[in-house]
Amino acid sequence: MATFMYIVCAVAQAILAVIAIRLYMKDRAIGTLMLVLPIAAVVWDNTIVALGATIGEGSLLMALSWPRYIGHALFTPAWIVAGVSFAQRSGAQWLNTKAVNVGQWVLYAVCVVLGFLRSVVFLNMELVAEGGLLYYRNASGFPGPPFGSVIMLFVVLACAVIVWRKIKSPWMFLGSLFMLISVGVPAAVIGFDLTNLGEVVMAASLVYTGYVLLRQKGQPKKQLKAAPPGGK
């Protein structure tokens, strides 16, 4: 069952990655590009976990697992930039400042550094065999939660509230909220790491919001009707 769920998540993320790339081809914005990167990284992550039992224990599976952790460290915080970009494009003019534009990249860099410390520098691969799965998890000694991912999630949630208020679309917020809830559900409760499904739902909500903003961008602004001479 767990293997099947990982395969489903991998396929879903691959489809979302294609849709997100098509969105970027129509909308060459940096925020849209940063939307694509984490989705592509998670496709690899879910695929390697799903195929681990087929590949088998050893150096090959370990080598294929390295990109999982590097991808998470580099690309997961990219949704900070995507979230801020979506909030700006939704009409939050007060976010279109040099401080915000520079600050989002500084925050992204900080999260990448934290991710590299946890997932690469202090990476300690530990073989796990459970529920038909065989994969290497990170038994890192780096203290605390995955700060980069946590910071990203709360930034996107805050931006999602702005998007909801500005364009009346709640999906980015609901997807991010589902991700937040899924992180707190132990895998032992449902026999599957719900975080993976949360990533799919959050990615889908962001991609959908990207298309909503693109459609909004293509709509002509309403013109005010000129008052007739002498009229009110």
Protein backbone atom coordinates (compact mmCIF):
# COMPACT_ATOMS: atom_id res chain seq x y z
CA MET A 1 0.00 0.00 0.00
CA ALA A 2 2.77 2.42 0.94
CA THR A 3 4.64 1.68 -2.30
CA PHE A 4 1.48 2.31 -4.31
CA MET A 5 0.91 5.64 -2.55
CA TYR A 6 4.46 6.78 -3.28
CA ILE A 7 4.01 5.84 -6.95
CA VAL A 8 0.73 7.77 -7.06
CA CYS A 9 2.41 10.82 -5.51
CA ALA A 10 5.33 10.58 -7.93
CA VAL A 11 3.00 10.41 -10.95
CA ALA A 12 0.84 13.26 -9.61
CA GLN A 13 3.90 15.45 -9.04
CA ALA A 14 5.23 14.61 -12.52
CA ILE A 15 1.92 15.72 -14.06
CA LEU A 16 1.97 18.89 -11.96
CA ALA A 17 5.57 19.54 -13.01
CA VAL A 18 4.57 19.38 -16.69
CA ILE A 19 1.60 21.69 -16.08
CA ALA A 20 3.83 24.09 -14.12
CA ILE A 21 6.43 24.12 -16.92
CA ARG A 22 3.68 24.93 -19.42
CA LEU A 23 2.62 27.75 -17.12
CA TYR A 24 6.18 29.07 -17.08
CA MET A 25 6.32 28.94 -20.88
CA LYS A 26 3.31 31.27 -20.93
CA ASP A 27 4.41 33.40 -18.00
CA ARG A 28 8.19 33.89 -17.89
CA ALA A 29 8.24 35.29 -14.37
CA ILE A 30 10.85 34.34 -11.77
CA GLY A 31 8.09 33.45 -9.31
CA THR A 32 6.67 30.93 -11.78
CA LEU A 33 10.10 29.40 -12.36
CA MET A 34 10.61 29.02 -8.61
CA LEU A 35 7.23 27.30 -8.46
CA VAL A 36 8.45 24.56 -10.81
CA LEU A 37 11.71 23.62 -9.05
CA PRO A 38 10.38 22.05 -5.80
CA ILE A 39 7.77 20.05 -7.72
CA ALA A 40 10.43 18.54 -9.99
CA ALA A 41 12.61 17.70 -6.96
CA VAL A 42 9.78 15.85 -5.21
CA VAL A 43 9.13 13.72 -8.31
CA TRP A 44 12.62 12.25 -7.88
CA ASP A 45 12.16 11.89 -4.12
CA ASN A 46 8.93 9.89 -4.35
CA THR A 47 10.19 7.80 -7.27
CA ILE A 48 13.35 6.65 -5.49
CA VAL A 49 11.45 5.77 -2.31
CA ALA A 50 8.87 3.84 -4.35
CA LEU A 51 11.55 1.91 -6.28
CA GLY A 52 13.87 1.31 -3.34
CA ALA A 53 12.80 -2.28 -2.73
CA THR A 54 13.30 -3.05 -6.43
CA ILE A 55 16.74 -1.41 -6.53
CA GLY A 56 17.83 -3.09 -3.31
CA GLU A 57 20.13 -2.14 -0.47
CA GLY A 58 23.58 -0.90 -1.39
CA SER A 59 25.68 1.77 -3.02
CA LEU A 60 23.31 2.31 -5.98
CA LEU A 61 20.30 3.12 -3.81
CA MET A 62 22.49 5.29 -1.61
CA ALA A 63 23.83 7.19 -4.64
CA LEU A 64 20.31 7.71 -5.99
CA SER A 65 19.24 8.98 -2.57
CA TRP A 66 21.79 11.81 -2.45
CA PRO A 67 19.84 13.99 -4.97
CA ARG A 68 16.75 13.62 -2.76
CA TYR A 69 18.40 15.51 0.06
CA ILE A 70 20.25 17.99 -2.13
CA GLY A 71 16.99 18.75 -3.97
CA HIS A 72 15.11 19.36 -0.74
CA ALA A 73 17.83 21.67 0.55
CA LEU A 74 18.11 23.71 -2.66
CA PHE A 75 14.59 23.80 -4.00
CA THR A 76 12.04 23.47 -1.18
CA PRO A 77 12.60 27.09 -0.01
CA ALA A 78 12.01 28.29 -3.60
CA TRP A 79 8.29 28.48 -2.84
CA ILE A 80 9.11 31.51 -0.67
CA VAL A 81 9.85 33.46 -3.84
CA ALA A 82 6.85 31.96 -5.65
CA GLY A 83 4.52 32.84 -2.77
CA VAL A 84 5.73 36.44 -2.51
CA SER A 85 5.51 36.81 -6.29
CA PHE A 86 1.91 35.57 -6.32
CA ALA A 87 0.97 37.95 -3.49
CA GLN A 88 2.54 40.87 -5.35
CA ARG A 89 0.80 39.99 -8.61
CA SER A 90 -2.56 39.61 -6.86
CA GLY A 91 -2.53 43.36 -6.24
CA ALA A 92 -0.68 43.82 -2.94
CA GLN A 93 1.21 46.91 -4.05
CA TRP A 94 2.74 47.40 -0.61
CA LEU A 95 4.81 44.27 -1.24
CA ASN A 96 6.37 45.75 -4.38
CA THR A 97 9.30 47.32 -2.54
CA LYS A 98 13.04 46.87 -2.72
CA ALA A 99 13.07 45.62 0.88
CA VAL A 100 10.61 42.82 0.10
CA ASN A 101 12.23 41.92 -3.22
CA VAL A 102 15.67 41.66 -1.65
CA GLY A 103 14.38 40.19 1.61
CA GLN A 104 12.71 37.21 -0.07
CA TRP A 105 16.01 36.18 -1.64
CA VAL A 106 17.89 36.65 1.62
CA LEU A 107 15.32 34.47 3.38
CA TYR A 108 15.57 31.90 0.58
CA ALA A 109 19.37 31.83 0.96
CA VAL A 110 19.11 31.42 4.74
CA CYS A 111 16.71 28.50 4.31
CA VAL A 112 19.02 26.89 1.75
CA VAL A 113 21.95 27.13 4.16
CA LEU A 114 19.86 25.60 6.96
CA GLY A 115 18.70 22.87 4.59
CA PHE A 116 22.25 22.07 3.49
CA LEU A 117 23.43 21.83 7.06
CA ARG A 118 20.64 19.43 7.94
CA SER A 119 20.31 17.43 4.71
CA VAL A 120 23.82 17.43 3.27
CA VAL A 121 26.52 18.43 5.76
CA PHE A 122 25.00 16.43 8.64
CA LEU A 123 23.44 13.80 6.39
CA ASN A 124 23.52 10.38 8.03
CA MET A 125 21.81 7.83 5.82
CA GLU A 126 20.01 5.10 7.70
CA LEU A 127 18.39 2.18 5.88
CA VAL A 128 14.68 1.74 6.56
CA ALA A 129 12.62 -1.31 5.57
CA GLU A 130 8.94 -1.03 6.39
CA GLY A 131 5.59 -1.52 4.72
CA GLY A 132 7.22 -2.98 1.61
CA LEU A 133 9.44 0.10 1.25
CA LEU A 134 13.22 0.22 1.29
CA TYR A 135 14.86 3.61 1.47
CA TYR A 136 17.51 5.66 3.19
CA ARG A 137 16.28 8.25 5.63
CA ASN A 138 18.31 11.04 7.14
CA ALA A 139 19.12 10.22 10.76
CA SER A 140 20.78 13.63 11.03
CA GLY A 141 22.16 14.91 14.27
CA PHE A 142 21.31 18.48 13.28
CA PRO A 143 19.16 19.86 16.12
CA GLY A 144 15.58 21.01 15.74
CA PRO A 145 12.94 20.69 13.00
CA PRO A 146 13.62 21.29 9.27
CA PHE A 147 13.71 25.07 9.71
CA GLY A 148 13.97 25.84 5.98
CA SER A 149 10.77 23.95 5.17
CA VAL A 150 8.93 25.36 8.19
CA ILE A 151 9.85 28.96 7.30
CA MET A 152 8.82 28.40 3.69
CA LEU A 153 5.46 26.99 4.70
CA PHE A 154 4.55 29.91 6.96
CA VAL A 155 5.68 32.48 4.37
CA VAL A 156 3.50 30.82 1.72
CA LEU A 157 0.57 30.66 4.13
CA ALA A 158 0.88 34.39 4.85
CA CYS A 159 1.08 35.17 1.12
CA ALA A 160 -1.90 32.88 0.49
CA VAL A 161 -4.04 34.95 2.86
CA ILE A 162 -3.18 38.04 0.80
CA VAL A 163 -3.97 36.26 -2.47
CA TRP A 164 -7.30 35.07 -1.07
CA ARG A 165 -8.28 38.59 -0.05
CA LYS A 166 -7.15 40.19 -3.30
CA ILE A 167 -8.46 37.81 -5.96
CA LYS A 168 -11.03 35.83 -3.92
CA SER A 169 -9.26 32.52 -4.56
CA PRO A 170 -8.79 30.41 -1.39
CA TRP A 171 -7.01 27.44 -2.99
CA MET A 172 -3.43 28.51 -2.30
CA PHE A 173 -4.31 28.97 1.37
CA LEU A 174 -6.25 25.70 1.65
CA GLY A 175 -3.47 23.73 -0.04
CA SER A 176 -0.82 25.24 2.24
CA LEU A 177 -3.01 24.64 5.29
CA PHE A 178 -3.45 20.99 4.30
CA MET A 179 0.34 20.72 4.03
CA LEU A 180 0.74 22.21 7.51
CA ILE A 181 -1.78 19.74 8.97
CA SER A 182 -0.26 16.76 7.16
CA VAL A 183 3.18 17.46 8.64
CA GLY A 184 1.78 16.88 12.11
CA VAL A 185 0.13 13.51 11.39
CA PRO A 186 2.43 10.58 12.36
CA ALA A 187 2.94 8.01 9.61
CA ALA A 188 2.13 5.26 12.14
CA VAL A 189 -1.45 6.53 12.36
CA ILE A 190 -2.33 5.96 8.70
CA GLY A 191 0.48 3.69 7.53
CA PHE A 192 1.76 6.31 5.08
CA ASP A 193 3.68 9.55 5.39
CA LEU A 194 0.88 12.06 4.80
CA THR A 195 3.48 14.76 4.15
CA ASN A 196 3.92 13.39 0.62
CA LEU A 197 0.22 13.80 -0.11
CA GLY A 198 0.38 17.25 1.47
CA GLU A 199 3.14 18.20 -0.96
CA VAL A 200 0.95 17.12 -3.88
CA VAL A 201 -2.04 19.11 -2.63
CA MET A 202 0.05 22.21 -1.91
CA ALA A 203 1.79 22.01 -5.30
CA ALA A 204 -1.57 21.65 -7.06
CA SER A 205 -2.98 24.67 -5.22
CA LEU A 206 0.03 26.80 -6.17
CA VAL A 207 -0.07 25.74 -9.83
CA TYR A 208 -3.80 26.46 -10.00
CA THR A 209 -3.27 29.88 -8.41
CA GLY A 210 -0.55 30.58 -10.97
CA TYR A 211 -3.04 29.98 -13.77
CA VAL A 212 -5.66 32.14 -12.05
CA LEU A 213 -3.15 35.01 -11.87
CA LEU A 214 -2.18 34.46 -15.50
CA ARG A 215 -5.82 34.69 -16.60
CA GLN A 216 -6.24 37.80 -14.50
CA LYS A 217 -3.18 39.34 -16.13
CA GLY A 218 -4.65 38.72 -19.58
CA GLN A 219 -7.97 40.37 -18.80
CA PRO A 220 -8.29 44.00 -19.91
CA LYS A 221 -8.84 46.47 -17.12
CA LYS A 222 -12.34 47.88 -16.85
CA GLN A 223 -12.63 51.32 -18.35
CA LEU A 224 -14.57 54.02 -16.59
CA LYS A 225 -17.47 55.30 -18.66
CA ALA A 226 -17.20 58.95 -19.50
CA ALA A 227 -19.99 61.05 -18.04
CA PRO A 228 -22.22 62.77 -20.61
CA PRO A 229 -21.75 66.53 -21.00
CA GLY A 230 -23.50 68.27 -18.13
CA GLY A 231 -24.30 64.94 -16.50
CA LYS A 232 -23.40 63.75 -13.03
